[in-house]
Amino acid sequence: KLTFNLDNPSQSGLFRELQESMEELKRDLKAFK
């Protein structure tokens, strides 16, 4: 899934994990390119 609610303070721990996953995905995409 793709999410754009990473700054939601009500579940900051979960969203931090998601944000880290998205940043890792971005790094993988840049490396692949």
Full PDB file with SEQRES, HELIX, SHEET, SSBOND, CRYST1, ORIGX, SCALE, CONECT and MASTER records, all heavy atoms in Angstrom:
SEQRES   1 A   33  LYS LEU THR PHE ASN LEU ASP ASN PRO SER GLN SER GLY          
SEQRES   2 A   33  LEU PHE ARG GLU LEU GLN GLU SER MET GLU GLU LEU LYS          
SEQRES   3 A   33  ARG ASP LEU LYS ALA PHE LYS                                  
HELIX    1 AA1 PRO A    9  GLN A   11  5                                   3    
HELIX    2 AA2 SER A   12  PHE A   32  1                                  21    
CRYST1    1.000    1.000    1.000  90.00  90.00  90.00 P 1           1          
ORIGX1      1.000000  0.000000  0.000000        0.00000                         
ORIGX2      0.000000  1.000000  0.000000        0.00000                         
ORIGX3      0.000000  0.000000  1.000000        0.00000                         
SCALE1      1.000000  0.000000  0.000000        0.00000                         
SCALE2      0.000000  1.000000  0.000000        0.00000                         
SCALE3      0.000000  0.000000  1.000000        0.00000                         
ATOM      1  N   LYS A   1       0.837  -1.198   0.000  1.00  0.00           N  
ATOM      2  CA  LYS A   1       0.000   0.000   0.000  1.00  0.00           C  
ATOM      3  C   LYS A   1       0.873   1.250   0.000  1.00  0.00           C  
ATOM      4  O   LYS A   1       2.053   1.219   0.372  1.00  0.00           O  
ATOM      5  CB  LYS A   1      -0.956   0.008   1.187  1.00  0.00           C  
ATOM      6  CG  LYS A   1      -0.316   0.299   2.533  1.00  0.00           C  
ATOM      7  CD  LYS A   1      -1.375   0.429   3.622  1.00  0.00           C  
ATOM      8  CE  LYS A   1      -0.753   0.756   4.974  1.00  0.00           C  
ATOM      9  NZ  LYS A   1      -1.775   0.943   6.024  1.00  0.00           N  
ATOM     10  N   LEU A   2       0.268   2.342  -0.413  1.00  0.00           N  
ATOM     11  CA  LEU A   2       0.909   3.657  -0.394  1.00  0.00           C  
ATOM     12  C   LEU A   2       0.115   4.538   0.561  1.00  0.00           C  
ATOM     13  O   LEU A   2      -1.111   4.607   0.470  1.00  0.00           O  
ATOM     14  CB  LEU A   2       0.904   4.285  -1.784  1.00  0.00           C  
ATOM     15  CG  LEU A   2       1.604   3.501  -2.898  1.00  0.00           C  
ATOM     16  CD1 LEU A   2       1.382   4.196  -4.245  1.00  0.00           C  
ATOM     17  CD2 LEU A   2       3.084   3.388  -2.615  1.00  0.00           C  
ATOM     18  N   THR A   3       0.813   5.209   1.472  1.00  0.00           N  
ATOM     19  CA  THR A   3       0.126   6.069   2.423  1.00  0.00           C  
ATOM     20  C   THR A   3       0.767   7.443   2.444  1.00  0.00           C  
ATOM     21  O   THR A   3       1.971   7.583   2.188  1.00  0.00           O  
ATOM     22  CB  THR A   3       0.142   5.461   3.845  1.00  0.00           C  
ATOM     23  OG1 THR A   3      -0.601   6.297   4.728  1.00  0.00           O  
ATOM     24  CG2 THR A   3       1.562   5.308   4.362  1.00  0.00           C  
ATOM     25  N   PHE A   4      -0.036   8.464   2.730  1.00  0.00           N  
ATOM     26  CA  PHE A   4       0.452   9.832   2.794  1.00  0.00           C  
ATOM     27  C   PHE A   4       0.088  10.462   4.132  1.00  0.00           C  
ATOM     28  O   PHE A   4      -0.008  11.674   4.261  1.00  0.00           O  
ATOM     29  CB  PHE A   4      -0.129  10.639   1.630  1.00  0.00           C  
ATOM     30  CG  PHE A   4       0.233  10.060   0.291  1.00  0.00           C  
ATOM     31  CD1 PHE A   4      -0.634   9.184  -0.355  1.00  0.00           C  
ATOM     32  CD2 PHE A   4       1.439  10.359  -0.311  1.00  0.00           C  
ATOM     33  CE1 PHE A   4      -0.303   8.628  -1.579  1.00  0.00           C  
ATOM     34  CE2 PHE A   4       1.778   9.812  -1.538  1.00  0.00           C  
ATOM     35  CZ  PHE A   4       0.912   8.941  -2.178  1.00  0.00           C  
ATOM     36  N   ASN A   5      -0.130   9.633   5.165  1.00  0.00           N  
ATOM     37  CA  ASN A   5      -0.521  10.122   6.486  1.00  0.00           C  
ATOM     38  C   ASN A   5       0.591   9.896   7.505  1.00  0.00           C  
ATOM     39  O   ASN A   5       0.343   9.580   8.662  1.00  0.00           O  
ATOM     40  CB  ASN A   5      -1.797   9.407   6.951  1.00  0.00           C  
ATOM     41  CG  ASN A   5      -2.964   9.660   6.028  1.00  0.00           C  
ATOM     42  OD1 ASN A   5      -3.191  10.783   5.621  1.00  0.00           O  
ATOM     43  ND2 ASN A   5      -3.698   8.609   5.690  1.00  0.00           N  
ATOM     44  N   LEU A   6       1.823  10.071   7.087  1.00  0.00           N  
ATOM     45  CA  LEU A   6       2.942   9.742   7.954  1.00  0.00           C  
ATOM     46  C   LEU A   6       3.104  10.703   9.123  1.00  0.00           C  
ATOM     47  O   LEU A   6       3.785  10.393  10.086  1.00  0.00           O  
ATOM     48  CB  LEU A   6       4.235   9.709   7.134  1.00  0.00           C  
ATOM     49  CG  LEU A   6       4.255   8.661   6.005  1.00  0.00           C  
ATOM     50  CD1 LEU A   6       5.576   8.724   5.256  1.00  0.00           C  
ATOM     51  CD2 LEU A   6       4.056   7.270   6.567  1.00  0.00           C  
ATOM     52  N   ASP A   7       2.482  11.878   9.049  1.00  0.00           N  
ATOM     53  CA  ASP A   7       2.643  12.864  10.114  1.00  0.00           C  
ATOM     54  C   ASP A   7       1.511  12.828  11.134  1.00  0.00           C  
ATOM     55  O   ASP A   7       1.402  13.708  11.979  1.00  0.00           O  
ATOM     56  CB  ASP A   7       2.725  14.276   9.523  1.00  0.00           C  
ATOM     57  CG  ASP A   7       3.966  14.458   8.669  1.00  0.00           C  
ATOM     58  OD1 ASP A   7       4.985  13.838   9.004  1.00  0.00           O  
ATOM     59  OD2 ASP A   7       3.900  15.199   7.678  1.00  0.00           O  
ATOM     60  N   ASN A   8       0.657  11.835  11.053  1.00  0.00           N  
ATOM     61  CA  ASN A   8      -0.458  11.728  11.987  1.00  0.00           C  
ATOM     62  C   ASN A   8       0.082  11.460  13.395  1.00  0.00           C  
ATOM     63  O   ASN A   8       0.672  10.417  13.644  1.00  0.00           O  
ATOM     64  CB  ASN A   8      -1.381  10.578  11.556  1.00  0.00           C  
ATOM     65  CG  ASN A   8      -2.675  10.556  12.369  1.00  0.00           C  
ATOM     66  OD1 ASN A   8      -2.707  10.987  13.515  1.00  0.00           O  
ATOM     67  ND2 ASN A   8      -3.725  10.043  11.751  1.00  0.00           N  
ATOM     68  N   PRO A   9      -0.116  12.393  14.346  1.00  0.00           N  
ATOM     69  CA  PRO A   9       0.483  12.240  15.678  1.00  0.00           C  
ATOM     70  C   PRO A   9      -0.173  11.170  16.529  1.00  0.00           C  
ATOM     71  O   PRO A   9       0.398  10.725  17.495  1.00  0.00           O  
ATOM     72  CB  PRO A   9       0.289  13.632  16.309  1.00  0.00           C  
ATOM     73  CG  PRO A   9      -0.940  14.172  15.633  1.00  0.00           C  
ATOM     74  CD  PRO A   9      -0.880  13.650  14.227  1.00  0.00           C  
ATOM     75  N   SER A  10      -1.378  10.744  16.163  1.00  0.00           N  
ATOM     76  CA  SER A  10      -2.101   9.797  17.003  1.00  0.00           C  
ATOM     77  C   SER A  10      -1.464   8.426  17.000  1.00  0.00           C  
ATOM     78  O   SER A  10      -1.661   7.642  17.923  1.00  0.00           O  
ATOM     79  CB  SER A  10      -3.564   9.693  16.544  1.00  0.00           C  
ATOM     80  OG  SER A  10      -3.624   9.186  15.227  1.00  0.00           O  
ATOM     81  N   GLN A  11      -0.693   8.110  15.959  1.00  0.00           N  
ATOM     82  CA  GLN A  11      -0.039   6.810  15.900  1.00  0.00           C  
ATOM     83  C   GLN A  11       1.404   7.023  15.435  1.00  0.00           C  
ATOM     84  O   GLN A  11       1.860   6.440  14.457  1.00  0.00           O  
ATOM     85  CB  GLN A  11      -0.781   5.861  14.952  1.00  0.00           C  
ATOM     86  CG  GLN A  11      -2.200   5.559  15.396  1.00  0.00           C  
ATOM     87  CD  GLN A  11      -2.835   4.466  14.543  1.00  0.00           C  
ATOM     88  OE1 GLN A  11      -2.168   3.589  14.024  1.00  0.00           O  
ATOM     89  NE2 GLN A  11      -4.137   4.523  14.426  1.00  0.00           N  
ATOM     90  N   SER A  12       2.105   7.885  16.170  1.00  0.00           N  
ATOM     91  CA  SER A  12       3.425   8.316  15.724  1.00  0.00           C  
ATOM     92  C   SER A  12       4.395   7.152  15.571  1.00  0.00           C  
ATOM     93  O   SER A  12       5.210   7.132  14.647  1.00  0.00           O  
ATOM     94  CB  SER A  12       3.987   9.343  16.710  1.00  0.00           C  
ATOM     95  OG  SER A  12       4.027   8.797  18.022  1.00  0.00           O  
ATOM     96  N   GLY A  13       4.335   6.173  16.481  1.00  0.00           N  
ATOM     97  CA  GLY A  13       5.249   5.050  16.386  1.00  0.00           C  
ATOM     98  C   GLY A  13       5.064   4.267  15.105  1.00  0.00           C  
ATOM     99  O   GLY A  13       6.022   3.962  14.394  1.00  0.00           O  
ATOM    100  N   LEU A  14       3.801   3.948  14.792  1.00  0.00           N  
ATOM    101  CA  LEU A  14       3.489   3.196  13.581  1.00  0.00           C  
ATOM    102  C   LEU A  14       3.900   3.985  12.346  1.00  0.00           C  
ATOM    103  O   LEU A  14       4.517   3.445  11.420  1.00  0.00           O  
ATOM    104  CB  LEU A  14       1.995   2.876  13.542  1.00  0.00           C  
ATOM    105  CG  LEU A  14       1.477   2.253  12.243  1.00  0.00           C  
ATOM    106  CD1 LEU A  14       2.148   0.911  11.974  1.00  0.00           C  
ATOM    107  CD2 LEU A  14      -0.051   2.084  12.310  1.00  0.00           C  
ATOM    108  N   PHE A  15       3.574   5.266  12.349  1.00  0.00           N  
ATOM    109  CA  PHE A  15       3.859   6.064  11.165  1.00  0.00           C  
ATOM    110  C   PHE A  15       5.360   6.307  10.992  1.00  0.00           C  
ATOM    111  O   PHE A  15       5.840   6.475   9.869  1.00  0.00           O  
ATOM    112  CB  PHE A  15       3.098   7.390  11.218  1.00  0.00           C  
ATOM    113  CG  PHE A  15       1.645   7.241  10.877  1.00  0.00           C  
ATOM    114  CD1 PHE A  15       0.663   7.575  11.794  1.00  0.00           C  
ATOM    115  CD2 PHE A  15       1.264   6.737   9.642  1.00  0.00           C  
ATOM    116  CE1 PHE A  15      -0.677   7.421  11.476  1.00  0.00           C  
ATOM    117  CE2 PHE A  15      -0.077   6.583   9.325  1.00  0.00           C  
ATOM    118  CZ  PHE A  15      -1.048   6.924  10.251  1.00  0.00           C  
ATOM    119  N   ARG A  16       6.107   6.336  12.091  1.00  0.00           N  
ATOM    120  CA  ARG A  16       7.559   6.443  11.954  1.00  0.00           C  
ATOM    121  C   ARG A  16       8.109   5.215  11.240  1.00  0.00           C  
ATOM    122  O   ARG A  16       8.996   5.318  10.392  1.00  0.00           O  
ATOM    123  CB  ARG A  16       8.214   6.599  13.332  1.00  0.00           C  
ATOM    124  CG  ARG A  16       8.244   8.029  13.853  1.00  0.00           C  
ATOM    125  CD  ARG A  16       9.268   8.180  14.957  1.00  0.00           C  
ATOM    126  NE  ARG A  16       8.993   7.290  16.090  1.00  0.00           N  
ATOM    127  CZ  ARG A  16       8.228   7.633  17.118  1.00  0.00           C  
ATOM    128  NH1 ARG A  16       7.661   8.819  17.158  1.00  0.00           N  
ATOM    129  NH2 ARG A  16       8.038   6.786  18.112  1.00  0.00           N  
ATOM    130  N   GLU A  17       7.562   4.050  11.602  1.00  0.00           N  
ATOM    131  CA  GLU A  17       7.988   2.820  10.941  1.00  0.00           C  
ATOM    132  C   GLU A  17       7.642   2.860   9.452  1.00  0.00           C  
ATOM    133  O   GLU A  17       8.441   2.460   8.602  1.00  0.00           O  
ATOM    134  CB  GLU A  17       7.319   1.601  11.596  1.00  0.00           C  
ATOM    135  CG  GLU A  17       7.783   1.338  13.014  1.00  0.00           C  
ATOM    136  CD  GLU A  17       7.078   0.147  13.631  1.00  0.00           C  
ATOM    137  OE1 GLU A  17       6.396  -0.592  12.876  1.00  0.00           O  
ATOM    138  OE2 GLU A  17       7.196  -0.056  14.832  1.00  0.00           O  
ATOM    139  N   LEU A  18       6.439   3.344   9.150  1.00  0.00           N  
ATOM    140  CA  LEU A  18       6.034   3.434   7.750  1.00  0.00           C  
ATOM    141  C   LEU A  18       6.906   4.423   6.991  1.00  0.00           C  
ATOM    142  O   LEU A  18       7.283   4.191   5.840  1.00  0.00           O  
ATOM    143  CB  LEU A  18       4.556   3.853   7.659  1.00  0.00           C  
ATOM    144  CG  LEU A  18       3.528   2.812   8.081  1.00  0.00           C  
ATOM    145  CD1 LEU A  18       2.136   3.429   8.125  1.00  0.00           C  
ATOM    146  CD2 LEU A  18       3.537   1.625   7.122  1.00  0.00           C  
ATOM    147  N   GLN A  19       7.219   5.546   7.665  1.00  0.00           N  
ATOM    148  CA  GLN A  19       8.041   6.554   7.018  1.00  0.00           C  
ATOM    149  C   GLN A  19       9.429   6.006   6.718  1.00  0.00           C  
ATOM    150  O   GLN A  19       9.992   6.230   5.643  1.00  0.00           O  
ATOM    151  CB  GLN A  19       8.158   7.790   7.912  1.00  0.00           C  
ATOM    152  CG  GLN A  19       8.826   8.978   7.213  1.00  0.00           C  
ATOM    153  CD  GLN A  19       8.730  10.230   8.041  1.00  0.00           C  
ATOM    154  OE1 GLN A  19       8.616  10.158   9.257  1.00  0.00           O  
ATOM    155  NE2 GLN A  19       8.786  11.368   7.398  1.00  0.00           N  
ATOM    156  N   GLU A  20       9.974   5.254   7.658  1.00  0.00           N  
ATOM    157  CA  GLU A  20      11.281   4.639   7.442  1.00  0.00           C  
ATOM    158  C   GLU A  20      11.233   3.660   6.279  1.00  0.00           C  
ATOM    159  O   GLU A  20      12.174   3.586   5.477  1.00  0.00           O  
ATOM    160  CB  GLU A  20      11.748   3.930   8.720  1.00  0.00           C  
ATOM    161  CG  GLU A  20      12.102   4.885   9.850  1.00  0.00           C  
ATOM    162  CD  GLU A  20      12.371   4.172  11.161  1.00  0.00           C  
ATOM    163  OE1 GLU A  20      12.267   2.910  11.170  1.00  0.00           O  
ATOM    164  OE2 GLU A  20      12.669   4.835  12.151  1.00  0.00           O  
ATOM    165  N   SER A  21      10.124   2.911   6.188  1.00  0.00           N  
ATOM    166  CA  SER A  21       9.971   1.968   5.081  1.00  0.00           C  
ATOM    167  C   SER A  21       9.897   2.690   3.748  1.00  0.00           C  
ATOM    168  O   SER A  21      10.490   2.254   2.752  1.00  0.00           O  
ATOM    169  CB  SER A  21       8.710   1.118   5.279  1.00  0.00           C  
ATOM    170  OG  SER A  21       8.797   0.351   6.446  1.00  0.00           O  
ATOM    171  N   MET A  22       9.182   3.826   3.719  1.00  0.00           N  
ATOM    172  CA  MET A  22       9.074   4.586   2.489  1.00  0.00           C  
ATOM    173  C   MET A  22      10.421   5.180   2.090  1.00  0.00           C  
ATOM    174  O   MET A  22      10.788   5.187   0.916  1.00  0.00           O  
ATOM    175  CB  MET A  22       8.045   5.710   2.653  1.00  0.00           C  
ATOM    176  CG  MET A  22       6.597   5.216   2.799  1.00  0.00           C  
ATOM    177  SD  MET A  22       5.992   4.401   1.308  1.00  0.00           S  
ATOM    178  CE  MET A  22       5.855   5.796   0.200  1.00  0.00           C  
ATOM    179  N   GLU A  23      11.188   5.670   3.080  1.00  0.00           N  
ATOM    180  CA  GLU A  23      12.501   6.223   2.777  1.00  0.00           C  
ATOM    181  C   GLU A  23      13.440   5.139   2.252  1.00  0.00           C  
ATOM    182  O   GLU A  23      14.226   5.371   1.329  1.00  0.00           O  
ATOM    183  CB  GLU A  23      13.103   6.866   4.035  1.00  0.00           C  
ATOM    184  CG  GLU A  23      12.390   8.131   4.506  1.00  0.00           C  
ATOM    185  CD  GLU A  23      12.429   9.223   3.446  1.00  0.00           C  
ATOM    186  OE1 GLU A  23      13.432   9.308   2.710  1.00  0.00           O  
ATOM    187  OE2 GLU A  23      11.450   9.974   3.370  1.00  0.00           O  
ATOM    188  N   GLU A  24      13.311   3.939   2.819  1.00  0.00           N  
ATOM    189  CA  GLU A  24      14.132   2.821   2.343  1.00  0.00           C  
ATOM    190  C   GLU A  24      13.753   2.464   0.909  1.00  0.00           C  
ATOM    191  O   GLU A  24      14.620   2.170   0.082  1.00  0.00           O  
ATOM    192  CB  GLU A  24      13.947   1.611   3.256  1.00  0.00           C  
ATOM    193  CG  GLU A  24      14.831   0.423   2.868  1.00  0.00           C  
ATOM    194  CD  GLU A  24      14.663  -0.742   3.826  1.00  0.00           C  
ATOM    195  OE1 GLU A  24      13.957  -0.579   4.842  1.00  0.00           O  
ATOM    196  OE2 GLU A  24      15.230  -1.808   3.550  1.00  0.00           O  
ATOM    197  N   LEU A  25      12.441   2.503   0.611  1.00  0.00           N  
ATOM    198  CA  LEU A  25      11.986   2.227  -0.746  1.00  0.00           C  
ATOM    199  C   LEU A  25      12.537   3.267  -1.720  1.00  0.00           C  
ATOM    200  O   LEU A  25      12.971   2.926  -2.826  1.00  0.00           O  
ATOM    201  CB  LEU A  25      10.453   2.216  -0.796  1.00  0.00           C  
ATOM    202  CG  LEU A  25       9.811   2.026  -2.169  1.00  0.00           C  
ATOM    203  CD1 LEU A  25      10.240   0.703  -2.798  1.00  0.00           C  
ATOM    204  CD2 LEU A  25       8.280   2.072  -2.065  1.00  0.00           C  
ATOM    205  N   LYS A  26      12.531   4.543  -1.313  1.00  0.00           N  
ATOM    206  CA  LYS A  26      13.060   5.597  -2.169  1.00  0.00           C  
ATOM    207  C   LYS A  26      14.545   5.372  -2.452  1.00  0.00           C  
ATOM    208  O   LYS A  26      15.018   5.550  -3.577  1.00  0.00           O  
ATOM    209  CB  LYS A  26      12.859   6.967  -1.509  1.00  0.00           C  
ATOM    210  CG  LYS A  26      11.413   7.425  -1.451  1.00  0.00           C  
ATOM    211  CD  LYS A  26      11.316   8.772  -0.747  1.00  0.00           C  
ATOM    212  CE  LYS A  26       9.871   9.233  -0.635  1.00  0.00           C  
ATOM    213  NZ  LYS A  26       9.765  10.524   0.096  1.00  0.00           N  
ATOM    214  N   ARG A  27      15.293   4.976  -1.404  1.00  0.00           N  
ATOM    215  CA  ARG A  27      16.720   4.720  -1.597  1.00  0.00           C  
ATOM    216  C   ARG A  27      16.943   3.560  -2.559  1.00  0.00           C  
ATOM    217  O   ARG A  27      17.836   3.597  -3.412  1.00  0.00           O  
ATOM    218  CB  ARG A  27      17.391   4.436  -0.250  1.00  0.00           C  
ATOM    219  CG  ARG A  27      17.502   5.665   0.657  1.00  0.00           C  
ATOM    220  CD  ARG A  27      18.453   5.403   1.815  1.00  0.00           C  
ATOM    221  NE  ARG A  27      17.952   4.360   2.703  1.00  0.00           N  
ATOM    222  CZ  ARG A  27      17.186   4.599   3.753  1.00  0.00           C  
ATOM    223  NH1 ARG A  27      16.810   5.850   4.042  1.00  0.00           N  
ATOM    224  NH2 ARG A  27      16.779   3.611   4.530  1.00  0.00           N  
ATOM    225  N   ASP A  28      16.116   2.514  -2.421  1.00  0.00           N  
ATOM    226  CA  ASP A  28      16.229   1.359  -3.318  1.00  0.00           C  
ATOM    227  C   ASP A  28      15.949   1.758  -4.756  1.00  0.00           C  
ATOM    228  O   ASP A  28      16.613   1.295  -5.699  1.00  0.00           O  
ATOM    229  CB  ASP A  28      15.254   0.250  -2.891  1.00  0.00           C  
ATOM    230  CG  ASP A  28      15.672  -0.414  -1.596  1.00  0.00           C  
ATOM    231  OD1 ASP A  28      16.848  -0.256  -1.207  1.00  0.00           O  
ATOM    232  OD2 ASP A  28      14.824  -1.086  -0.973  1.00  0.00           O  
ATOM    233  N   LEU A  29      14.947   2.621  -4.936  1.00  0.00           N  
ATOM    234  CA  LEU A  29      14.591   3.068  -6.290  1.00  0.00           C  
ATOM    235  C   LEU A  29      15.735   3.875  -6.909  1.00  0.00           C  
ATOM    236  O   LEU A  29      16.074   3.700  -8.087  1.00  0.00           O  
ATOM    237  CB  LEU A  29      13.319   3.910  -6.261  1.00  0.00           C  
ATOM    238  CG  LEU A  29      12.002   3.145  -6.095  1.00  0.00           C  
ATOM    239  CD1 LEU A  29      10.850   4.110  -5.850  1.00  0.00           C  
ATOM    240  CD2 LEU A  29      11.713   2.316  -7.330  1.00  0.00           C  
ATOM    241  N   LYS A  30      16.349   4.768  -6.095  1.00  0.00           N  
ATOM    242  CA  LYS A  30      17.449   5.581  -6.608  1.00  0.00           C  
ATOM    243  C   LYS A  30      18.633   4.697  -6.977  1.00  0.00           C  
ATOM    244  O   LYS A  30      19.273   4.882  -8.023  1.00  0.00           O  
ATOM    245  CB  LYS A  30      17.869   6.613  -5.554  1.00  0.00           C  
ATOM    246  CG  LYS A  30      16.875   7.745  -5.358  1.00  0.00           C  
ATOM    247  CD  LYS A  30      17.367   8.724  -4.310  1.00  0.00           C  
ATOM    248  CE  LYS A  30      16.358   9.850  -4.108  1.00  0.00           C  
ATOM    249  NZ  LYS A  30      16.801  10.804  -3.053  1.00  0.00           N  
ATOM    250  N   ALA A  31      18.928   3.705  -6.137  1.00  0.00           N  
ATOM    251  CA  ALA A  31      20.044   2.800  -6.410  1.00  0.00           C  
ATOM    252  C   ALA A  31      19.779   1.979  -7.666  1.00  0.00           C  
ATOM    253  O   ALA A  31      20.674   1.747  -8.465  1.00  0.00           O  
ATOM    254  CB  ALA A  31      20.274   1.882  -5.204  1.00  0.00           C  
ATOM    255  N   PHE A  32      18.516   1.544  -7.818  1.00  0.00           N  
ATOM    256  CA  PHE A  32      18.160   0.736  -8.993  1.00  0.00           C  
ATOM    257  C   PHE A  32      18.322   1.549 -10.269  1.00  0.00           C  
ATOM    258  O   PHE A  32      18.835   1.058 -11.282  1.00  0.00           O  
ATOM    259  CB  PHE A  32      16.725   0.225  -8.855  1.00  0.00           C  
ATOM    260  CG  PHE A  32      16.289  -0.687  -9.980  1.00  0.00           C  
ATOM    261  CD1 PHE A  32      16.509  -2.050  -9.909  1.00  0.00           C  
ATOM    262  CD2 PHE A  32      15.672  -0.177 -11.096  1.00  0.00           C  
ATOM    263  CE1 PHE A  32      16.118  -2.880 -10.934  1.00  0.00           C  
ATOM    264  CE2 PHE A  32      15.273  -1.001 -12.143  1.00  0.00           C  
ATOM    265  CZ  PHE A  32      15.502  -2.368 -12.053  1.00  0.00           C  
ATOM    266  N   LYS A  33      17.901   2.829 -10.222  1.00  0.00           N  
ATOM    267  CA  LYS A  33      17.997   3.681 -11.412  1.00  0.00           C  
ATOM    268  C   LYS A  33      19.454   3.932 -11.799  1.00  0.00           C  
ATOM    269  O   LYS A  33      19.798   4.030 -12.976  1.00  0.00           O  
ATOM    270  CB  LYS A  33      17.267   4.998 -11.168  1.00  0.00           C  
ATOM    271  CG  LYS A  33      15.747   4.860 -11.114  1.00  0.00           C  
ATOM    272  CD  LYS A  33      15.082   6.195 -10.824  1.00  0.00           C  
ATOM    273  CE  LYS A  33      13.577   6.051 -10.814  1.00  0.00           C  
ATOM    274  NZ  LYS A  33      12.894   7.334 -10.507  1.00  0.00           N  
TER     275      LYS A  33                                                      
MASTER        0    0    0    2    0    0    0    6  274    1    0    3          
END                                                                             
